[in-house]
C-alpha cells in the first residue's frame, strides 16, 4: 500500500475529500519525522512505538576485498516495536497467501 492508496481508503471511509485527507496524512508523517529527528519516541497506542536507537561502531568487510576491514561508525537508526494488538492481527495471517 502506498501513501496515495491510504489517502483513497480514508477518503472513501470518511466524508473528507482526498485532498483534505492527503494534507492530514502528510502532516502526520511530517510530525512523526520531526519528533524522530529530535530523538524523541512516538507511541501510537494499539499500533506500536517508533524510537531512535544508536547502533554501535563495528567492523565490516568489503565483499570484493575481504582482507580489508572497514570501520562502520555508530549512527542513529529508527526502530519500530509493534503493539500487542498489531502483533495479534499479524499472528493471524494465512502464511500460504504471502
N, C-alpha and C. Protein backbone atom coordinates (compact mmCIF):
# COMPACT_ATOMS: atom_id res chain seq x y z
N UNK A 1 0.84 -1.17 0.00
CA UNK A 1 0.00 0.00 0.00
C UNK A 1 0.90 1.24 0.00
N UNK A 2 0.55 2.19 -0.83
CA UNK A 2 1.29 3.45 -0.89
C UNK A 2 0.54 4.51 -0.10
N UNK A 3 1.19 5.66 0.06
CA UNK A 3 0.52 6.77 0.76
C UNK A 3 -0.74 7.17 0.00
N UNK A 4 -0.66 7.17 -1.31
CA UNK A 4 -1.82 7.51 -2.15
C UNK A 4 -2.98 6.53 -1.90
N UNK A 5 -2.67 5.24 -1.84
CA UNK A 5 -3.69 4.23 -1.56
C UNK A 5 -4.33 4.47 -0.20
N UNK A 6 -3.52 4.82 0.78
CA UNK A 6 -4.01 5.11 2.12
C UNK A 6 -4.97 6.30 2.10
N UNK A 7 -4.59 7.35 1.39
CA UNK A 7 -5.44 8.54 1.27
C UNK A 7 -6.78 8.18 0.66
N UNK A 8 -6.77 7.40 -0.40
CA UNK A 8 -8.01 7.00 -1.08
C UNK A 8 -8.90 6.19 -0.14
N UNK A 9 -8.30 5.23 0.59
CA UNK A 9 -9.08 4.40 1.52
C UNK A 9 -9.73 5.25 2.61
N UNK A 10 -8.97 6.16 3.20
CA UNK A 10 -9.51 7.00 4.27
C UNK A 10 -10.59 7.92 3.73
N UNK A 11 -10.36 8.49 2.55
CA UNK A 11 -11.37 9.37 1.95
C UNK A 11 -12.66 8.62 1.67
N UNK A 12 -12.55 7.39 1.23
CA UNK A 12 -13.74 6.57 0.95
C UNK A 12 -14.50 6.22 2.23
N UNK A 13 -13.79 6.08 3.34
CA UNK A 13 -14.42 5.72 4.61
C UNK A 13 -14.92 6.93 5.39
N UNK A 14 -14.57 8.13 4.95
CA UNK A 14 -14.97 9.33 5.68
C UNK A 14 -15.70 10.28 4.74
N UNK A 15 -16.09 11.40 5.28
CA UNK A 15 -16.76 12.41 4.46
C UNK A 15 -15.79 13.49 4.01
N UNK A 16 -14.50 13.20 4.09
CA UNK A 16 -13.47 14.15 3.68
C UNK A 16 -13.07 13.91 2.24
N UNK A 17 -12.57 14.96 1.59
CA UNK A 17 -12.08 14.81 0.23
C UNK A 17 -10.67 14.21 0.27
N UNK A 18 -10.25 13.67 -0.87
CA UNK A 18 -8.90 13.10 -0.94
C UNK A 18 -7.85 14.17 -0.66
N UNK A 19 -8.10 15.40 -1.10
CA UNK A 19 -7.15 16.48 -0.86
C UNK A 19 -7.02 16.77 0.63
N UNK A 20 -8.14 16.79 1.34
CA UNK A 20 -8.11 17.04 2.79
C UNK A 20 -7.37 15.90 3.50
N UNK A 21 -7.68 14.69 3.12
CA UNK A 21 -7.04 13.53 3.74
C UNK A 21 -5.54 13.53 3.45
N UNK A 22 -5.16 13.87 2.23
CA UNK A 22 -3.74 13.90 1.86
C UNK A 22 -2.97 14.89 2.73
N UNK A 23 -3.58 16.03 3.02
CA UNK A 23 -2.93 17.03 3.88
C UNK A 23 -2.76 16.48 5.29
N UNK A 24 -3.79 15.84 5.81
CA UNK A 24 -3.72 15.28 7.17
C UNK A 24 -2.67 14.17 7.25
N UNK A 25 -2.67 13.28 6.28
CA UNK A 25 -1.71 12.17 6.28
C UNK A 25 -0.28 12.73 6.18
N UNK A 26 -0.05 13.67 5.28
CA UNK A 26 1.30 14.23 5.13
C UNK A 26 1.73 14.96 6.39
N UNK A 27 0.83 15.74 7.00
CA UNK A 27 1.17 16.43 8.24
C UNK A 27 1.50 15.44 9.34
N UNK A 28 0.74 14.36 9.43
CA UNK A 28 1.01 13.33 10.44
C UNK A 28 2.40 12.74 10.25
N UNK A 29 2.73 12.39 9.02
CA UNK A 29 4.06 11.83 8.74
C UNK A 29 5.17 12.84 9.01
N UNK A 30 4.92 14.10 8.68
CA UNK A 30 5.91 15.15 8.94
C UNK A 30 6.15 15.31 10.44
N UNK A 31 5.08 15.30 11.24
CA UNK A 31 5.23 15.44 12.69
C UNK A 31 5.97 14.24 13.28
N UNK A 32 5.67 13.06 12.80
CA UNK A 32 6.38 11.86 13.27
C UNK A 32 7.87 11.97 12.92
N UNK A 33 8.18 12.37 11.69
CA UNK A 33 9.57 12.50 11.26
C UNK A 33 10.29 13.57 12.08
N UNK A 34 9.62 14.69 12.36
CA UNK A 34 10.22 15.76 13.16
C UNK A 34 10.57 15.27 14.56
N UNK A 35 9.65 14.53 15.17
CA UNK A 35 9.90 14.00 16.52
C UNK A 35 11.07 13.02 16.51
N UNK A 36 11.11 12.13 15.53
CA UNK A 36 12.20 11.17 15.45
C UNK A 36 13.53 11.86 15.16
N UNK A 37 13.50 12.91 14.33
CA UNK A 37 14.72 13.66 14.03
C UNK A 37 15.23 14.40 15.27
N UNK A 38 14.36 14.60 16.25
CA UNK A 38 14.76 15.21 17.52
C UNK A 38 15.05 14.16 18.58
N UNK A 39 15.15 12.90 18.16
CA UNK A 39 15.46 11.75 19.02
C UNK A 39 14.38 11.51 20.08
N UNK A 40 13.13 11.85 19.75
CA UNK A 40 12.03 11.59 20.68
C UNK A 40 11.24 10.37 20.20
N UNK A 41 10.64 9.68 21.13
CA UNK A 41 9.88 8.47 20.86
C UNK A 41 8.45 8.82 20.50
N UNK A 42 7.90 8.06 19.55
CA UNK A 42 6.50 8.21 19.15
C UNK A 42 5.77 6.94 19.56
N UNK A 43 4.76 7.08 20.41
CA UNK A 43 3.97 5.92 20.85
C UNK A 43 2.56 6.07 20.33
N UNK A 44 2.15 5.14 19.49
CA UNK A 44 0.80 5.11 18.95
C UNK A 44 0.09 3.91 19.57
N UNK A 45 -0.72 4.17 20.55
CA UNK A 45 -1.39 3.10 21.30
C UNK A 45 -2.10 2.15 20.36
N UNK A 46 -2.03 0.87 20.69
CA UNK A 46 -2.64 -0.22 19.94
C UNK A 46 -1.97 -0.45 18.58
N UNK A 47 -0.95 0.35 18.25
CA UNK A 47 -0.25 0.16 16.98
C UNK A 47 1.21 -0.19 17.22
N UNK A 48 1.96 0.72 17.86
CA UNK A 48 3.36 0.44 18.12
C UNK A 48 4.13 1.67 18.53
N UNK A 49 5.44 1.49 18.67
CA UNK A 49 6.32 2.56 19.14
C UNK A 49 7.48 2.71 18.15
N UNK A 50 7.69 3.96 17.72
CA UNK A 50 8.86 4.31 16.92
C UNK A 50 9.85 4.97 17.86
N UNK A 51 11.11 4.55 17.80
CA UNK A 51 12.12 5.18 18.65
C UNK A 51 13.46 5.21 17.94
N UNK A 52 14.28 6.16 18.35
CA UNK A 52 15.61 6.30 17.78
C UNK A 52 16.59 5.56 18.68
N UNK A 53 17.39 4.71 18.10
CA UNK A 53 18.43 3.98 18.80
C UNK A 53 19.76 4.32 18.15
N UNK A 54 20.84 4.13 18.89
CA UNK A 54 22.18 4.34 18.34
C UNK A 54 22.83 2.98 18.15
N UNK A 55 23.21 2.70 16.90
CA UNK A 55 23.90 1.44 16.64
C UNK A 55 25.36 1.59 17.03
N UNK A 56 25.97 0.53 17.49
CA UNK A 56 27.37 0.57 17.92
C UNK A 56 28.30 0.64 16.71
N UNK A 57 29.47 1.20 16.94
CA UNK A 57 30.50 1.16 15.91
C UNK A 57 30.93 -0.30 15.75
N UNK A 58 31.17 -0.70 14.51
CA UNK A 58 31.55 -2.10 14.29
C UNK A 58 32.49 -2.20 13.10
N UNK A 59 33.06 -3.37 12.95
CA UNK A 59 33.98 -3.61 11.85
C UNK A 59 33.24 -4.40 10.77
N UNK A 60 33.31 -3.91 9.55
CA UNK A 60 32.71 -4.59 8.41
C UNK A 60 33.78 -4.99 7.43
N UNK A 61 33.40 -5.75 6.43
CA UNK A 61 34.35 -6.20 5.41
C UNK A 61 33.77 -5.95 4.03
N UNK A 62 34.62 -5.51 3.14
CA UNK A 62 34.24 -5.32 1.75
C UNK A 62 34.17 -6.70 1.11
N UNK A 63 33.03 -7.11 0.56
CA UNK A 63 32.94 -8.45 -0.03
C UNK A 63 33.88 -8.64 -1.22
N UNK A 64 34.25 -7.54 -1.88
CA UNK A 64 35.16 -7.66 -3.01
C UNK A 64 36.62 -7.76 -2.57
N UNK A 65 36.93 -7.24 -1.38
CA UNK A 65 38.27 -7.32 -0.81
C UNK A 65 38.14 -7.69 0.67
N UNK A 66 37.85 -8.96 0.96
CA UNK A 66 37.59 -9.36 2.34
C UNK A 66 38.77 -9.15 3.29
N UNK A 67 39.96 -8.96 2.76
CA UNK A 67 41.11 -8.74 3.64
C UNK A 67 41.13 -7.33 4.21
N UNK A 68 40.35 -6.42 3.64
CA UNK A 68 40.29 -5.04 4.12
C UNK A 68 39.13 -4.86 5.10
N UNK A 69 39.47 -4.48 6.33
CA UNK A 69 38.45 -4.17 7.32
C UNK A 69 38.02 -2.72 7.16
N UNK A 70 36.74 -2.49 7.35
CA UNK A 70 36.18 -1.14 7.26
C UNK A 70 35.47 -0.85 8.57
N UNK A 71 35.75 0.30 9.16
CA UNK A 71 35.06 0.67 10.39
C UNK A 71 33.74 1.34 10.03
N UNK A 72 32.66 0.77 10.50
CA UNK A 72 31.34 1.35 10.29
C UNK A 72 31.02 2.15 11.55
N UNK A 73 30.90 3.47 11.42
CA UNK A 73 30.72 4.32 12.61
C UNK A 73 29.34 4.11 13.25
N UNK A 74 29.24 4.50 14.53
CA UNK A 74 27.93 4.42 15.17
C UNK A 74 27.02 5.45 14.50
N UNK A 75 25.72 5.14 14.49
CA UNK A 75 24.77 6.03 13.84
C UNK A 75 23.40 5.88 14.46
N UNK A 76 22.57 6.86 14.24
CA UNK A 76 21.20 6.82 14.75
C UNK A 76 20.34 6.06 13.75
N UNK A 77 19.51 5.16 14.26
CA UNK A 77 18.58 4.40 13.42
C UNK A 77 17.20 4.42 14.06
N UNK A 78 16.17 4.24 13.25
CA UNK A 78 14.80 4.21 13.75
C UNK A 78 14.38 2.75 13.91
N UNK A 79 13.86 2.45 15.09
CA UNK A 79 13.34 1.10 15.38
C UNK A 79 11.84 1.19 15.58
N UNK A 80 11.14 0.13 15.22
CA UNK A 80 9.70 0.04 15.43
C UNK A 80 9.39 -1.20 16.24
N UNK A 81 8.63 -1.03 17.31
CA UNK A 81 8.16 -2.17 18.10
C UNK A 81 6.65 -2.22 17.98
N UNK A 82 6.12 -3.27 17.38
CA UNK A 82 4.66 -3.34 17.23
C UNK A 82 3.97 -3.50 18.57
N UNK A 83 2.77 -2.93 18.65
CA UNK A 83 1.96 -3.06 19.86
C UNK A 83 1.29 -4.42 19.92
N UNK A 84 0.72 -4.72 21.06
CA UNK A 84 0.10 -6.02 21.30
C UNK A 84 -1.00 -6.32 20.28
N UNK A 85 -1.86 -5.34 20.03
CA UNK A 85 -2.97 -5.57 19.10
C UNK A 85 -2.47 -5.82 17.68
N UNK A 86 -1.45 -5.09 17.24
CA UNK A 86 -0.89 -5.29 15.91
C UNK A 86 -0.24 -6.67 15.81
N UNK A 87 0.49 -7.07 16.84
CA UNK A 87 1.11 -8.40 16.86
C UNK A 87 0.07 -9.49 16.70
N UNK A 88 -1.04 -9.35 17.43
CA UNK A 88 -2.11 -10.35 17.37
C UNK A 88 -2.72 -10.43 15.97
N UNK A 89 -2.92 -9.29 15.34
CA UNK A 89 -3.51 -9.28 13.99
C UNK A 89 -2.57 -9.92 12.98
N UNK A 90 -1.28 -9.63 13.10
CA UNK A 90 -0.30 -10.20 12.17
C UNK A 90 -0.14 -11.70 12.41
N UNK A 91 -0.24 -12.11 13.66
CA UNK A 91 -0.11 -13.53 14.00
C UNK A 91 -1.18 -14.38 13.30
N UNK A 92 -2.33 -13.77 13.02
CA UNK A 92 -3.45 -14.50 12.39
C UNK A 92 -3.32 -14.60 10.87
N UNK A 93 -2.25 -14.10 10.30
CA UNK A 93 -2.05 -14.13 8.85
C UNK A 93 -2.04 -15.57 8.34
N UNK A 94 -2.62 -15.75 7.17
CA UNK A 94 -2.54 -17.04 6.48
C UNK A 94 -1.23 -17.03 5.69
N UNK A 95 -0.24 -17.75 6.15
CA UNK A 95 1.09 -17.70 5.56
C UNK A 95 1.14 -18.24 4.14
N UNK A 96 0.15 -19.00 3.74
CA UNK A 96 0.14 -19.52 2.36
C UNK A 96 -0.20 -18.42 1.36
N UNK A 97 -0.76 -17.29 1.82
CA UNK A 97 -1.13 -16.21 0.92
C UNK A 97 0.00 -15.20 0.73
N UNK A 98 1.07 -15.34 1.49
CA UNK A 98 2.17 -14.37 1.40
C UNK A 98 3.17 -14.78 0.35
